[in-house]
Amino acid sequence: MPARPHSSFILILALLFPSLGLGCSAKHSPAPAQDESAVMAAKEPGSTLSAPRSFDAMTAGAGSKTWGGVIAMIPDGWVEEKPSNAMRAGQYRLPRHEADSADVELLLTHFGSNQGGELEANLERWASQVRQPDGSPSRKAMVTKTMKVNGLEIVTADVTGTYVASRSLMDPQAGRYEEKDWRLFNAIISGPEGSCFVKVVGPARSVETWMPSIEAFLASAKAASRK
């Protein structure tokens, strides 16, 4: 089982997460007409998500990460790894649930101002990386949310099924994943230097185990101080 956060972090989550279910607008998006890309700000209205009350206190113990002009706290239990390619601003391993065969991977990316593509194109691309058991469109099954955190707009996209994304963007011969009951969760933070991205992928049960800390990470996001 993944390591449990320390008591102060649990207390903060207890204060934070009662508002999460009430403060976000969620929907199952209708189907419209490379991985690690970005999306621009959402066009749907969202409400405010309360951030942790003491950002400095949270980051003092667990550390923080700055990318694309955004800073967010790193929860306890996340294992930082060396990014496997230059596109990644950060890479973390979230230890698996004891019954799963793989850890959860969390990636941070940023491509610069006005880079990363249109929102709908990215939602479609993410949906194409997950196959539904009944063959229905993953775009229709995907749940999207829009929220405000510390003046930053955040869009999330969440879908579960068989993960079939390419194993390598750089090597077409690497083949594709074929992982049943995996969950793909993406978040796009509209930062001062352009869109900042969070990608979470892994066994659905393990991802669910880590969702409180992932949500706390997003809720802690704010514009980084400029020196």
Protein backbone atom coordinates (compact mmCIF):
# COMPACT_ATOMS: atom_id res chain seq x y z
CA MET A 1 0.00 0.00 0.00
CA PRO A 2 1.25 3.56 -0.62
CA ALA A 3 2.65 5.43 2.32
CA ARG A 4 0.02 7.47 4.20
CA PRO A 5 0.49 11.27 4.38
CA HIS A 6 1.50 12.70 7.75
CA SER A 7 -1.21 13.85 10.16
CA SER A 8 -1.07 17.57 9.28
CA PHE A 9 -1.56 16.77 5.60
CA ILE A 10 -4.56 14.58 6.47
CA LEU A 11 -6.04 17.42 8.52
CA ILE A 12 -5.66 19.82 5.61
CA LEU A 13 -7.30 17.34 3.26
CA ALA A 14 -10.17 16.92 5.71
CA LEU A 15 -10.74 20.67 5.59
CA LEU A 16 -10.26 20.88 1.85
CA PHE A 17 -12.16 18.05 0.23
CA PRO A 18 -15.71 18.58 1.50
CA SER A 19 -15.76 21.50 -0.94
CA LEU A 20 -14.43 19.62 -3.92
CA GLY A 21 -17.64 17.86 -4.78
CA LEU A 22 -19.59 21.11 -4.52
CA GLY A 23 -17.22 23.58 -6.13
CA CYS A 24 -16.64 22.05 -9.56
CA SER A 25 -18.87 21.75 -12.57
CA ALA A 26 -18.70 18.19 -13.91
CA LYS A 27 -20.15 16.77 -17.09
CA HIS A 28 -20.01 13.82 -19.42
CA SER A 29 -18.94 15.49 -22.63
CA PRO A 30 -20.72 14.64 -25.89
CA ALA A 31 -18.62 13.23 -28.71
CA PRO A 32 -17.65 15.91 -31.30
CA ALA A 33 -16.35 15.87 -34.58
CA GLN A 34 1.30 13.10 -28.93
CA ASP A 35 0.95 12.48 -25.67
CA GLU A 36 2.15 15.19 -23.37
CA SER A 37 0.51 18.03 -25.17
CA ALA A 38 -1.37 20.92 -23.72
CA VAL A 39 -4.72 22.55 -23.92
CA MET A 40 -5.75 26.13 -23.61
CA ALA A 41 -8.18 27.53 -21.05
CA ALA A 42 -11.62 25.94 -20.83
CA LYS A 43 -14.53 27.78 -22.36
CA GLU A 44 -17.06 26.60 -19.80
CA PRO A 45 -17.81 28.55 -16.62
CA GLY A 46 -16.54 27.01 -13.41
CA SER A 47 -16.63 27.87 -9.75
CA THR A 48 -13.90 28.45 -7.22
CA LEU A 49 -12.06 25.55 -5.59
CA SER A 50 -10.65 26.43 -2.19
CA ALA A 51 -6.88 26.14 -1.96
CA PRO A 52 -5.07 24.84 1.13
CA ARG A 53 -5.05 27.52 3.81
CA SER A 54 -1.32 27.35 4.45
CA PHE A 55 0.59 26.77 1.23
CA ASP A 56 3.95 27.53 2.82
CA ALA A 57 3.32 25.07 5.66
CA MET A 58 2.41 22.30 3.24
CA THR A 59 5.39 22.80 0.95
CA ALA A 60 7.86 23.14 3.81
CA GLY A 61 7.60 19.46 4.65
CA ALA A 62 7.01 17.81 1.30
CA GLY A 63 8.58 20.26 -1.14
CA SER A 64 7.15 22.07 -4.12
CA LYS A 65 7.45 22.12 -7.89
CA THR A 66 7.56 25.12 -10.22
CA TRP A 67 6.94 24.80 -13.94
CA GLY A 68 5.55 27.25 -16.49
CA GLY A 69 5.18 30.00 -13.91
CA VAL A 70 3.04 27.82 -11.62
CA ILE A 71 4.06 26.44 -8.22
CA ALA A 72 2.31 23.60 -6.40
CA MET A 73 3.07 21.50 -3.33
CA ILE A 74 4.29 17.93 -3.71
CA PRO A 75 2.37 15.59 -1.37
CA ASP A 76 4.08 13.02 0.79
CA GLY A 77 4.48 9.61 -0.83
CA TRP A 78 5.19 10.85 -4.36
CA VAL A 79 8.52 9.49 -5.56
CA GLU A 80 10.35 11.93 -7.81
CA GLU A 81 12.15 10.40 -10.79
CA LYS A 82 14.47 11.74 -13.45
CA PRO A 83 12.32 12.74 -16.45
CA SER A 84 12.68 10.15 -19.20
CA ASN A 85 12.61 12.80 -21.93
CA ALA A 86 13.17 16.53 -22.35
CA MET A 87 9.46 17.25 -22.81
CA ARG A 88 8.78 16.53 -19.14
CA ALA A 89 9.21 19.23 -16.51
CA GLY A 90 8.62 16.69 -13.75
CA GLN A 91 8.04 12.96 -13.34
CA TYR A 92 6.73 11.14 -10.27
CA ARG A 93 5.93 7.55 -9.34
CA LEU A 94 2.99 6.94 -7.04
CA PRO A 95 3.33 3.46 -5.49
CA ARG A 96 0.67 0.97 -6.51
CA HIS A 97 -2.16 -0.53 -4.54
CA GLU A 98 -1.00 -3.91 -3.21
CA ALA A 99 -3.32 -5.78 -5.59
CA ASP A 100 -2.11 -3.98 -8.74
CA SER A 101 0.81 -4.85 -10.99
CA ALA A 102 1.99 -1.34 -11.88
CA ASP A 103 2.64 1.99 -10.18
CA VAL A 104 0.89 5.20 -11.12
CA GLU A 105 2.85 7.64 -13.27
CA LEU A 106 2.39 11.41 -12.88
CA LEU A 107 3.94 13.78 -15.41
CA LEU A 108 4.25 17.56 -15.55
CA THR A 109 4.75 19.37 -18.86
CA HIS A 110 4.86 22.91 -20.22
CA PHE A 111 5.49 23.96 -23.82
CA GLY A 112 5.58 27.74 -23.60
CA SER A 113 3.10 30.53 -24.14
CA ASN A 114 0.24 29.78 -26.57
CA GLN A 115 1.54 26.28 -27.22
CA GLY A 116 -0.09 22.87 -26.99
CA GLY A 117 -3.15 22.91 -29.23
CA GLU A 118 -6.87 23.55 -28.86
CA LEU A 119 -8.94 22.21 -26.00
CA GLU A 120 -11.27 19.99 -28.00
CA ALA A 121 -8.42 18.47 -30.02
CA ASN A 122 -6.63 17.49 -26.82
CA LEU A 123 -9.76 16.02 -25.26
CA GLU A 124 -10.28 13.94 -28.40
CA ARG A 125 -6.66 12.78 -28.36
CA TRP A 126 -6.82 11.74 -24.72
CA ALA A 127 -10.08 9.91 -25.35
CA SER A 128 -8.42 8.00 -28.21
CA GLN A 129 -5.89 6.60 -25.75
CA VAL A 130 -8.57 4.75 -23.76
CA ARG A 131 -10.87 2.05 -25.18
CA GLN A 132 -14.24 1.33 -23.58
CA PRO A 133 -15.20 -2.31 -22.89
CA ASP A 134 -18.41 -1.99 -24.92
CA GLY A 135 -16.74 -0.15 -27.79
CA SER A 136 -18.54 3.12 -27.08
CA PRO A 137 -16.65 6.43 -27.53
CA SER A 138 -14.34 7.28 -24.65
CA ARG A 139 -14.95 10.94 -25.43
CA LYS A 140 -18.54 10.44 -24.34
CA ALA A 141 -17.45 8.59 -21.17
CA MET A 142 -14.87 11.22 -20.27
CA VAL A 143 -15.75 13.49 -17.34
CA THR A 144 -14.48 17.07 -17.62
CA LYS A 145 -14.44 19.74 -14.94
CA THR A 146 -13.55 23.42 -14.82
CA MET A 147 -12.52 25.18 -11.61
CA LYS A 148 -10.75 28.27 -10.30
CA VAL A 149 -7.83 27.99 -7.88
CA ASN A 150 -5.95 31.04 -6.61
CA GLY A 151 -6.97 32.97 -9.71
CA LEU A 152 -5.85 30.17 -12.08
CA GLU A 153 -8.29 28.24 -14.25
CA ILE A 154 -7.91 24.47 -14.19
CA VAL A 155 -9.58 22.01 -16.57
CA THR A 156 -9.55 18.27 -15.80
CA ALA A 157 -10.44 15.27 -17.98
CA ASP A 158 -10.94 11.83 -16.43
CA VAL A 159 -11.62 8.54 -18.20
CA THR A 160 -11.24 4.83 -17.37
CA GLY A 161 -11.00 1.81 -19.67
CA THR A 162 -8.27 -0.05 -21.53
CA TYR A 163 -5.22 2.18 -21.93
CA VAL A 164 -3.97 1.90 -25.51
CA ALA A 165 -1.65 4.90 -25.92
CA SER A 166 1.64 4.66 -27.78
CA ARG A 167 4.53 3.54 -25.60
CA SER A 168 6.85 6.13 -27.12
CA LEU A 169 6.21 9.30 -29.10
CA MET A 170 9.74 9.17 -30.45
CA ASP A 171 9.74 5.51 -31.53
CA PRO A 172 6.79 4.30 -33.64
CA GLN A 173 8.14 0.74 -33.37
CA ALA A 174 7.69 0.70 -29.60
CA GLY A 175 4.07 -0.40 -29.93
CA ARG A 176 1.11 0.45 -27.72
CA TYR A 177 -0.05 -0.28 -24.23
CA GLU A 178 -2.90 -2.75 -23.73
CA GLU A 179 -3.76 -2.26 -20.06
CA LYS A 180 -7.29 -3.10 -18.95
CA ASP A 181 -9.01 -1.13 -16.19
CA TRP A 182 -6.58 1.76 -16.24
CA ARG A 183 -7.47 5.37 -15.56
CA LEU A 184 -6.20 8.43 -17.44
CA PHE A 185 -6.54 11.75 -15.65
CA ASN A 186 -5.31 15.00 -17.19
CA ALA A 187 -5.33 18.52 -15.77
CA ILE A 188 -4.52 21.78 -17.52
CA ILE A 189 -3.57 24.78 -15.43
CA SER A 190 -3.70 28.16 -17.20
CA GLY A 191 -0.49 29.62 -15.84
CA PRO A 192 1.15 33.01 -16.33
CA GLU A 193 3.60 31.54 -18.86
CA GLY A 194 1.11 29.38 -20.70
CA SER A 195 -0.69 26.13 -20.02
CA CYS A 196 0.83 23.72 -17.51
CA PHE A 197 -0.18 20.07 -17.66
CA VAL A 198 -0.57 17.23 -15.25
CA LYS A 199 -1.01 13.70 -16.58
CA VAL A 200 -1.82 10.78 -14.29
CA VAL A 201 -2.08 7.23 -15.63
CA GLY A 202 -2.12 3.78 -14.08
CA PRO A 203 -4.36 1.04 -12.69
CA ALA A 204 -7.75 2.54 -11.84
CA ARG A 205 -7.69 1.27 -8.24
CA SER A 206 -4.24 2.74 -7.60
CA VAL A 207 -5.14 6.07 -9.21
CA GLU A 208 -8.22 6.26 -7.01
CA THR A 209 -6.04 5.65 -3.94
CA TRP A 210 -3.94 8.68 -4.84
CA MET A 211 -6.73 11.03 -5.98
CA PRO A 212 -6.96 12.95 -2.67
CA SER A 213 -3.30 13.93 -2.91
CA ILE A 214 -3.60 14.69 -6.64
CA GLU A 215 -6.56 16.95 -5.94
CA ALA A 216 -4.63 18.62 -3.10
CA PHE A 217 -1.72 19.19 -5.49
CA LEU A 218 -4.04 20.96 -7.92
CA ALA A 219 -5.72 22.93 -5.13
CA SER A 220 -2.33 24.24 -4.01
CA ALA A 221 -1.41 25.59 -7.45
CA LYS A 222 -0.73 29.31 -7.69
CA ALA A 223 1.32 31.72 -9.78
CA ALA A 224 4.99 31.49 -8.79
CA SER A 225 6.62 34.63 -7.44
CA ARG A 226 8.83 36.32 -9.99
CA LYS A 227 12.33 37.14 -8.82
